[in-house]
Amino acid sequence: MPEDEIGNFLTIAETRTAASIEGINASTGSPMALHTVQKLFDRDGPGEDYFVSPEKLVRGNPKQTLWTQYTDASGKFFAGVWRSEPGMWTISYTEEEYCHMLEGVSVITGADGQALTVRAGDIFVIPRGFLGTWEVVDRTTKRFVICEASD
């Protein structure tokens, strides 16, 4: 997840992390054993809306929605679903992110100018240290798995 979204995302994730540590399914609020396999769904409930930081915006002001479905006890590994309306913003990855596009079209452009267009069905990884822009051309929804660097 881009650095500009991390602050908003982590605030949302932190509210759910405490529940995960206590053995509560972060998506449903139901009790679960700490070592239980958890099935993830496309979306649970209305999600949590936020906007990209103004200093990161290149074009538009896209509303983004996050469904955090799993957070480990460390708070450095999490998974869920993310959606964004059209717009463009700068990105700076401090984490590793696996993405599976569920709908829409986005263009991810590196600082070197190399662009990758991703669509529904595409699966890709964004490595730690990646710099560039993310442009949502058509409303985009993706499933993500993020692993933050250990300090």
Protein backbone atom coordinates (compact mmCIF):
# COMPACT_ATOMS: atom_id res chain seq x y z
CA MET A 1 0.00 0.00 0.00
CA PRO A 2 1.42 3.40 -0.90
CA GLU A 3 2.95 5.45 1.92
CA ASP A 4 0.34 8.18 1.48
CA GLU A 5 -2.35 5.66 2.36
CA ILE A 6 -0.40 3.97 5.15
CA GLY A 7 -1.26 6.56 7.82
CA ASN A 8 -4.98 6.32 7.12
CA PHE A 9 -4.79 2.56 6.68
CA LEU A 10 -2.77 1.98 9.85
CA THR A 11 -5.18 4.07 11.89
CA ILE A 12 -8.01 1.88 10.64
CA ALA A 13 -5.95 -1.30 11.06
CA GLU A 14 -4.83 -0.35 14.58
CA THR A 15 -8.43 -0.19 15.75
CA ARG A 16 -8.87 -3.74 14.51
CA THR A 17 -5.46 -5.06 15.60
CA ALA A 18 -6.35 -5.08 19.27
CA ALA A 19 -9.30 -7.33 18.47
CA SER A 20 -7.04 -9.71 16.51
CA ILE A 21 -4.57 -9.95 19.41
CA GLU A 22 -7.40 -10.90 21.74
CA GLY A 23 -8.45 -13.73 19.40
CA ILE A 24 -11.31 -11.87 17.72
CA ASN A 25 -11.94 -12.05 13.98
CA ALA A 26 -11.22 -8.45 12.86
CA SER A 27 -13.90 -8.61 10.16
CA THR A 28 -16.79 -10.08 12.10
CA GLY A 29 -15.97 -9.43 15.75
CA SER A 30 -16.51 -13.13 16.48
CA PRO A 31 -14.21 -15.02 18.87
CA MET A 32 -11.62 -17.29 17.25
CA ALA A 33 -8.62 -19.30 18.35
CA LEU A 34 -5.30 -17.54 17.72
CA HIS A 35 -4.22 -20.24 15.25
CA THR A 36 -7.45 -20.63 13.29
CA VAL A 37 -7.56 -20.52 9.49
CA GLN A 38 -9.69 -17.55 8.52
CA LYS A 39 -11.66 -17.45 5.26
CA LEU A 40 -11.67 -13.98 3.66
CA PHE A 41 -14.62 -12.60 1.73
CA ASP A 42 -14.75 -9.86 -0.91
CA ARG A 43 -16.13 -7.30 1.52
CA ASP A 44 -17.61 -7.33 5.00
CA GLY A 45 -20.01 -4.50 5.77
CA PRO A 46 -19.73 -0.93 4.54
CA GLY A 47 -15.93 -0.60 4.87
CA GLU A 48 -14.07 2.46 6.15
CA ASP A 49 -13.81 5.49 3.85
CA TYR A 50 -10.86 7.89 3.66
CA PHE A 51 -9.12 10.23 1.20
CA VAL A 52 -5.51 10.49 -0.01
CA SER A 53 -3.43 13.15 1.77
CA PRO A 54 -3.65 16.44 -0.18
CA GLU A 55 0.15 16.69 -0.55
CA LYS A 56 0.16 13.33 -2.40
CA LEU A 57 -2.64 14.16 -4.85
CA VAL A 58 -1.74 14.61 -8.50
CA ARG A 59 -5.28 14.66 -9.88
CA GLY A 60 -8.76 14.32 -8.38
CA ASN A 61 -9.69 13.56 -4.79
CA PRO A 62 -10.66 9.89 -4.87
CA LYS A 63 -12.68 8.39 -2.05
CA GLN A 64 -11.04 5.16 -0.96
CA THR A 65 -12.62 2.36 1.06
CA LEU A 66 -10.86 -0.25 3.14
CA TRP A 67 -12.10 -3.59 4.45
CA THR A 68 -9.40 -4.92 6.80
CA GLN A 69 -10.11 -8.64 7.13
CA TYR A 70 -7.05 -9.90 8.97
CA THR A 71 -4.27 -8.36 11.03
CA ASP A 72 -1.66 -10.44 12.84
CA ALA A 73 -0.62 -9.79 16.43
CA SER A 74 2.40 -7.72 15.34
CA GLY A 75 0.28 -5.40 13.20
CA LYS A 76 2.83 -5.78 10.38
CA PHE A 77 0.97 -8.38 8.31
CA PHE A 78 -2.57 -7.69 7.16
CA ALA A 79 -5.01 -8.52 4.39
CA GLY A 80 -8.28 -7.25 3.05
CA VAL A 81 -10.00 -5.46 0.21
CA TRP A 82 -9.36 -1.88 -0.98
CA ARG A 83 -11.37 0.25 -3.40
CA SER A 84 -10.68 3.64 -4.95
CA GLU A 85 -12.60 6.04 -7.14
CA PRO A 86 -10.72 7.59 -10.12
CA GLY A 87 -7.79 9.87 -9.37
CA MET A 88 -3.98 9.91 -9.22
CA TRP A 89 -1.50 10.23 -6.35
CA THR A 90 2.16 9.67 -5.59
CA ILE A 91 3.23 6.43 -3.90
CA SER A 92 6.25 5.43 -1.85
CA TYR A 93 6.19 1.83 -0.62
CA THR A 94 7.76 0.96 2.75
CA GLU A 95 6.15 -2.50 2.65
CA GLU A 96 5.71 -5.47 0.33
CA GLU A 97 2.22 -5.78 -1.19
CA TYR A 98 0.57 -8.64 -3.07
CA CYS A 99 -2.46 -7.48 -5.08
CA HIS A 100 -5.24 -9.29 -6.92
CA MET A 101 -7.40 -6.95 -8.98
CA LEU A 102 -11.11 -7.66 -8.58
CA GLU A 103 -12.49 -4.84 -10.75
CA GLY A 104 -11.47 -1.72 -12.61
CA VAL A 105 -8.37 -0.38 -14.33
CA SER A 106 -5.36 1.31 -12.74
CA VAL A 107 -1.99 2.46 -14.06
CA ILE A 108 1.01 2.18 -11.73
CA THR A 109 3.98 4.20 -12.98
CA GLY A 110 7.46 3.96 -11.49
CA ALA A 111 9.79 6.90 -10.92
CA ASP A 112 11.64 5.68 -14.04
CA GLY A 113 8.50 6.31 -16.15
CA GLN A 114 7.73 2.63 -16.76
CA ALA A 115 3.95 2.14 -16.53
CA LEU A 116 2.00 -1.03 -15.77
CA THR A 117 -1.72 -1.17 -16.51
CA VAL A 118 -3.58 -3.58 -14.23
CA ARG A 119 -7.14 -4.85 -14.69
CA ALA A 120 -9.62 -7.22 -13.09
CA GLY A 121 -7.99 -10.65 -12.82
CA ASP A 122 -4.41 -9.37 -12.76
CA ILE A 123 -2.17 -10.44 -9.89
CA PHE A 124 1.01 -8.52 -9.07
CA VAL A 125 3.44 -7.57 -6.31
CA ILE A 126 4.70 -4.09 -5.45
CA PRO A 127 8.09 -4.28 -3.71
CA ARG A 128 9.31 -2.26 -0.76
CA GLY A 129 11.09 0.86 -2.03
CA PHE A 130 8.87 1.35 -5.10
CA LEU A 131 8.31 5.05 -5.92
CA GLY A 132 5.93 6.50 -8.48
CA THR A 133 2.24 7.18 -9.02
CA TRP A 134 -0.98 5.19 -8.85
CA GLU A 135 -3.73 6.27 -11.21
CA VAL A 136 -7.20 4.80 -10.95
CA VAL A 137 -8.71 5.09 -14.42
CA ASP A 138 -11.92 3.13 -13.66
CA ARG A 139 -13.05 2.50 -10.09
CA THR A 140 -10.64 -0.14 -8.82
CA THR A 141 -11.13 -2.85 -6.23
CA LYS A 142 -8.28 -5.14 -5.21
CA ARG A 143 -7.61 -7.83 -2.64
CA PHE A 144 -4.31 -7.13 -0.88
CA VAL A 145 -1.85 -8.76 1.47
CA ILE A 146 0.74 -6.45 3.05
CA CYS A 147 3.87 -7.24 5.00
CA GLU A 148 5.49 -4.25 6.71
CA ALA A 149 9.22 -4.18 7.34
CA SER A 150 10.35 -5.08 10.83
CA ASP A 151 12.09 -2.31 12.74
